[in-house]
Amino acid sequence: MTRLHGLLVVALSIAVSTAGVAACGAGRGVLGTNTSPCFLALPVARKAVDGRGSLTGVRLVDVNRLPPGEQALRKLLDQLPIPSSHEVCLAAFTGRYTPDQVEMPFGPVPTSGAGRFAIAVVTIPKAVLLGTFIVRREPLSFNREHVGF
């Protein structure tokens, strides 16, 4: 009976562990955020900056649901022909960018003629570049803070 008891304990602990792992991943995308659809946009975004600079971050943005505090971003995005889905992926790159160094430069260029950030705006689910903004400052944070890791 102790052997049977030991087998039951092992089986029960495996079942509980499996259920716990499944529950931890439920309801989240691959990144644990809503940006996972932007994976397909990354090659298009990287090509838009001709491979220059380093990737700062990626954000999935619903243009119709931008909070009031995101005026700078809204001002930029209002210049582009956003598709009917109203969701686009923004990929930010850090470096030094001029309009002739990016694909489809869009919007005003910093007065110096160059910017520290290039932000590629790409449609989803089919990754199509809508334009690339060159800016001195990020119009929103591309950093994600993770708690509990």
C-alpha atoms as a PDB file:
ATOM      1  CA  MET A   1       0.000   0.000   0.000  1.00  0.00           C
ATOM      2  CA  THR A   2       2.890   2.427   0.581  1.00  0.00           C
ATOM      3  CA  ARG A   3       4.113   1.880  -2.972  1.00  0.00           C
ATOM      4  CA  LEU A   4       0.630   2.698  -4.304  1.00  0.00           C
ATOM      5  CA  HIS A   5       0.500   5.700  -2.008  1.00  0.00           C
ATOM      6  CA  GLY A   6       3.900   6.892  -3.352  1.00  0.00           C
ATOM      7  CA  LEU A   7       2.728   6.517  -6.972  1.00  0.00           C
ATOM      8  CA  LEU A   8      -0.438   8.483  -6.230  1.00  0.00           C
ATOM      9  CA  VAL A   9       1.570  11.277  -4.644  1.00  0.00           C
ATOM     10  CA  VAL A  10       3.889  11.465  -7.689  1.00  0.00           C
ATOM     11  CA  ALA A  11       0.961  11.376 -10.133  1.00  0.00           C
ATOM     12  CA  LEU A  12      -0.898  14.051  -8.191  1.00  0.00           C
ATOM     13  CA  SER A  13       2.144  16.340  -8.028  1.00  0.00           C
ATOM     14  CA  ILE A  14       2.703  15.977 -11.795  1.00  0.00           C
ATOM     15  CA  ALA A  15      -0.953  16.794 -12.476  1.00  0.00           C
ATOM     16  CA  VAL A  16      -0.886  19.857 -10.208  1.00  0.00           C
ATOM     17  CA  SER A  17       2.398  21.093 -11.739  1.00  0.00           C
ATOM     18  CA  THR A  18       1.073  20.659 -15.279  1.00  0.00           C
ATOM     19  CA  ALA A  19      -2.142  22.511 -14.468  1.00  0.00           C
ATOM     20  CA  GLY A  20      -0.194  25.327 -12.813  1.00  0.00           C
ATOM     21  CA  VAL A  21       2.121  25.775 -15.789  1.00  0.00           C
ATOM     22  CA  ALA A  22      -0.831  25.785 -18.196  1.00  0.00           C
ATOM     23  CA  ALA A  23      -2.663  28.374 -16.093  1.00  0.00           C
ATOM     24  CA  CYS A  24       0.376  30.655 -16.009  1.00  0.00           C
ATOM     25  CA  GLY A  25       0.489  30.843 -19.802  1.00  0.00           C
ATOM     26  CA  ALA A  26      -3.235  31.104 -20.409  1.00  0.00           C
ATOM     27  CA  GLY A  27      -4.664  34.262 -21.895  1.00  0.00           C
ATOM     28  CA  ARG A  28      -1.335  35.818 -22.843  1.00  0.00           C
ATOM     29  CA  GLY A  29       0.555  36.127 -26.086  1.00  0.00           C
ATOM     30  CA  VAL A  30       4.014  34.853 -26.802  1.00  0.00           C
ATOM     31  CA  LEU A  31       5.644  37.885 -25.184  1.00  0.00           C
ATOM     32  CA  GLY A  32       3.288  37.987 -22.230  1.00  0.00           C
ATOM     33  CA  THR A  33       1.996  41.243 -23.700  1.00  0.00           C
ATOM     34  CA  ASN A  34      -0.231  42.257 -26.560  1.00  0.00           C
ATOM     35  CA  THR A  35       2.763  42.971 -28.829  1.00  0.00           C
ATOM     36  CA  SER A  36       3.173  39.400 -30.083  1.00  0.00           C
ATOM     37  CA  PRO A  37       1.385  40.153 -33.415  1.00  0.00           C
ATOM     38  CA  CYS A  38       4.266  42.534 -34.115  1.00  0.00           C
ATOM     39  CA  PHE A  39       6.775  39.710 -34.542  1.00  0.00           C
ATOM     40  CA  LEU A  40       5.923  39.632 -38.242  1.00  0.00           C
ATOM     41  CA  ALA A  41       6.467  43.385 -38.488  1.00  0.00           C
ATOM     42  CA  LEU A  42      10.075  43.257 -37.258  1.00  0.00           C
ATOM     43  CA  PRO A  43      11.760  42.317 -40.577  1.00  0.00           C
ATOM     44  CA  VAL A  44       9.827  45.078 -42.372  1.00  0.00           C
ATOM     45  CA  ALA A  45      10.746  47.580 -39.653  1.00  0.00           C
ATOM     46  CA  ARG A  46      14.425  46.570 -39.690  1.00  0.00           C
ATOM     47  CA  LYS A  47      14.471  47.011 -43.472  1.00  0.00           C
ATOM     48  CA  ALA A  48      12.868  50.460 -43.085  1.00  0.00           C
ATOM     49  CA  VAL A  49      15.940  51.667 -41.174  1.00  0.00           C
ATOM     50  CA  ASP A  50      18.315  49.778 -43.460  1.00  0.00           C
ATOM     51  CA  GLY A  51      19.542  47.724 -40.489  1.00  0.00           C
ATOM     52  CA  ARG A  52      20.946  50.819 -38.745  1.00  0.00           C
ATOM     53  CA  GLY A  53      20.842  51.364 -35.000  1.00  0.00           C
ATOM     54  CA  SER A  54      19.468  49.085 -32.351  1.00  0.00           C
ATOM     55  CA  LEU A  55      15.908  48.056 -31.630  1.00  0.00           C
ATOM     56  CA  THR A  56      14.531  50.012 -28.673  1.00  0.00           C
ATOM     57  CA  GLY A  57      11.180  48.258 -28.550  1.00  0.00           C
ATOM     58  CA  VAL A  58       7.958  47.327 -30.279  1.00  0.00           C
ATOM     59  CA  ARG A  59       4.416  48.365 -29.413  1.00  0.00           C
ATOM     60  CA  LEU A  60       1.039  47.361 -30.782  1.00  0.00           C
ATOM     61  CA  VAL A  61      -1.116  50.488 -30.861  1.00  0.00           C
ATOM     62  CA  ASP A  62      -4.831  50.888 -31.436  1.00  0.00           C
ATOM     63  CA  VAL A  63      -4.963  54.376 -32.914  1.00  0.00           C
ATOM     64  CA  ASN A  64      -8.589  54.924 -31.868  1.00  0.00           C
ATOM     65  CA  ARG A  65      -7.830  54.070 -28.230  1.00  0.00           C
ATOM     66  CA  LEU A  66      -4.789  56.245 -27.598  1.00  0.00           C
ATOM     67  CA  PRO A  67      -5.070  57.923 -24.193  1.00  0.00           C
ATOM     68  CA  PRO A  68      -5.194  61.743 -24.047  1.00  0.00           C
ATOM     69  CA  GLY A  69      -1.601  61.850 -22.776  1.00  0.00           C
ATOM     70  CA  GLU A  70      -0.313  60.456 -26.064  1.00  0.00           C
ATOM     71  CA  GLN A  71      -0.782  63.684 -28.052  1.00  0.00           C
ATOM     72  CA  ALA A  72       2.679  63.578 -29.657  1.00  0.00           C
ATOM     73  CA  LEU A  73       2.089  60.077 -30.956  1.00  0.00           C
ATOM     74  CA  ARG A  74      -1.424  60.876 -32.173  1.00  0.00           C
ATOM     75  CA  LYS A  75      -0.086  63.926 -34.026  1.00  0.00           C
ATOM     76  CA  LEU A  76       2.413  61.713 -35.862  1.00  0.00           C
ATOM     77  CA  LEU A  77      -0.001  58.878 -36.622  1.00  0.00           C
ATOM     78  CA  ASP A  78      -2.729  61.232 -37.875  1.00  0.00           C
ATOM     79  CA  GLN A  79      -0.471  61.963 -40.852  1.00  0.00           C
ATOM     80  CA  LEU A  80      -0.543  58.352 -42.082  1.00  0.00           C
ATOM     81  CA  PRO A  81      -3.235  56.383 -43.912  1.00  0.00           C
ATOM     82  CA  ILE A  82      -4.034  53.992 -41.048  1.00  0.00           C
ATOM     83  CA  PRO A  83      -5.939  50.857 -42.162  1.00  0.00           C
ATOM     84  CA  SER A  84      -9.506  50.148 -41.091  1.00  0.00           C
ATOM     85  CA  SER A  85      -8.360  47.846 -38.271  1.00  0.00           C
ATOM     86  CA  HIS A  86      -6.793  50.906 -36.564  1.00  0.00           C
ATOM     87  CA  GLU A  87      -4.038  48.737 -35.100  1.00  0.00           C
ATOM     88  CA  VAL A  88      -0.438  49.212 -36.141  1.00  0.00           C
ATOM     89  CA  CYS A  89       2.912  48.060 -34.858  1.00  0.00           C
ATOM     90  CA  LEU A  90       5.461  50.685 -33.950  1.00  0.00           C
ATOM     91  CA  ALA A  91       9.093  49.601 -33.944  1.00  0.00           C
ATOM     92  CA  ALA A  92      11.536  52.114 -32.472  1.00  0.00           C
ATOM     93  CA  PHE A  93      15.231  52.116 -33.278  1.00  0.00           C
ATOM     94  CA  THR A  94      17.945  54.157 -31.571  1.00  0.00           C
ATOM     95  CA  GLY A  95      20.817  55.618 -33.552  1.00  0.00           C
ATOM     96  CA  ARG A  96      21.256  58.652 -35.769  1.00  0.00           C
ATOM     97  CA  TYR A  97      18.837  58.924 -38.658  1.00  0.00           C
ATOM     98  CA  THR A  98      18.292  61.312 -41.549  1.00  0.00           C
ATOM     99  CA  PRO A  99      15.393  61.119 -44.035  1.00  0.00           C
ATOM    100  CA  ASP A 100      17.619  59.647 -46.755  1.00  0.00           C
ATOM    101  CA  GLN A 101      18.613  56.762 -44.440  1.00  0.00           C
ATOM    102  CA  VAL A 102      15.102  55.364 -43.916  1.00  0.00           C
ATOM    103  CA  GLU A 103      12.348  54.016 -46.138  1.00  0.00           C
ATOM    104  CA  MET A 104       9.255  56.166 -46.578  1.00  0.00           C
ATOM    105  CA  PRO A 105      10.288  59.042 -44.289  1.00  0.00           C
ATOM    106  CA  PHE A 106       7.186  60.737 -42.985  1.00  0.00           C
ATOM    107  CA  GLY A 107       6.394  63.791 -40.922  1.00  0.00           C
ATOM    108  CA  PRO A 108       8.528  66.720 -39.872  1.00  0.00           C
ATOM    109  CA  VAL A 109      12.263  66.228 -39.549  1.00  0.00           C
ATOM    110  CA  PRO A 110      14.070  67.628 -36.491  1.00  0.00           C
ATOM    111  CA  THR A 111      15.586  71.046 -37.156  1.00  0.00           C
ATOM    112  CA  SER A 112      19.097  69.574 -37.058  1.00  0.00           C
ATOM    113  CA  GLY A 113      18.156  67.350 -40.022  1.00  0.00           C
ATOM    114  CA  ALA A 114      18.676  64.174 -38.017  1.00  0.00           C
ATOM    115  CA  GLY A 115      16.977  62.405 -35.149  1.00  0.00           C
ATOM    116  CA  ARG A 116      18.002  59.981 -32.427  1.00  0.00           C
ATOM    117  CA  PHE A 117      15.035  57.672 -33.039  1.00  0.00           C
ATOM    118  CA  ALA A 118      13.454  56.156 -36.119  1.00  0.00           C
ATOM    119  CA  ILE A 119       9.975  54.728 -35.647  1.00  0.00           C
ATOM    120  CA  ALA A 120       8.660  52.407 -38.328  1.00  0.00           C
ATOM    121  CA  VAL A 121       4.866  52.153 -38.529  1.00  0.00           C
ATOM    122  CA  VAL A 122       3.832  48.725 -39.860  1.00  0.00           C
ATOM    123  CA  THR A 123       0.376  47.254 -40.460  1.00  0.00           C
ATOM    124  CA  ILE A 124      -0.794  43.905 -39.068  1.00  0.00           C
ATOM    125  CA  PRO A 125      -1.519  41.097 -39.756  1.00  0.00           C
ATOM    126  CA  LYS A 126       0.068  41.651 -43.173  1.00  0.00           C
ATOM    127  CA  ALA A 127       3.284  43.540 -42.473  1.00  0.00           C
ATOM    128  CA  VAL A 128       3.311  46.606 -44.731  1.00  0.00           C
ATOM    129  CA  LEU A 129       5.341  49.723 -43.962  1.00  0.00           C
ATOM    130  CA  LEU A 130       3.161  52.844 -43.776  1.00  0.00           C
ATOM    131  CA  GLY A 131       5.992  55.255 -43.012  1.00  0.00           C
ATOM    132  CA  THR A 132       9.026  55.957 -40.848  1.00  0.00           C
ATOM    133  CA  PHE A 133       9.204  58.888 -38.454  1.00  0.00           C
ATOM    134  CA  ILE A 134      12.497  60.463 -37.439  1.00  0.00           C
ATOM    135  CA  VAL A 135      12.270  62.092 -34.028  1.00  0.00           C
ATOM    136  CA  ARG A 136      14.550  63.485 -31.329  1.00  0.00           C
ATOM    137  CA  ARG A 137      12.522  61.887 -28.501  1.00  0.00           C
ATOM    138  CA  GLU A 138      10.307  58.826 -28.305  1.00  0.00           C
ATOM    139  CA  PRO A 139       6.643  59.873 -28.476  1.00  0.00           C
ATOM    140  CA  LEU A 140       5.823  57.026 -26.046  1.00  0.00           C
ATOM    141  CA  SER A 141       7.770  54.583 -23.938  1.00  0.00           C
ATOM    142  CA  PHE A 142       8.912  51.437 -25.672  1.00  0.00           C
ATOM    143  CA  ASN A 143      10.289  49.955 -22.436  1.00  0.00           C
ATOM    144  CA  ARG A 144       8.316  47.277 -20.640  1.00  0.00           C
ATOM    145  CA  GLU A 145       8.694  46.805 -16.918  1.00  0.00           C
ATOM    146  CA  HIS A 146       8.310  43.248 -15.689  1.00  0.00           C
ATOM    147  CA  VAL A 147       7.505  42.545 -12.088  1.00  0.00           C
ATOM    148  CA  GLY A 148       8.138  39.235 -10.385  1.00  0.00           C
ATOM    149  CA  PHE A 149      10.855  37.814 -12.620  1.00  0.00           C
END
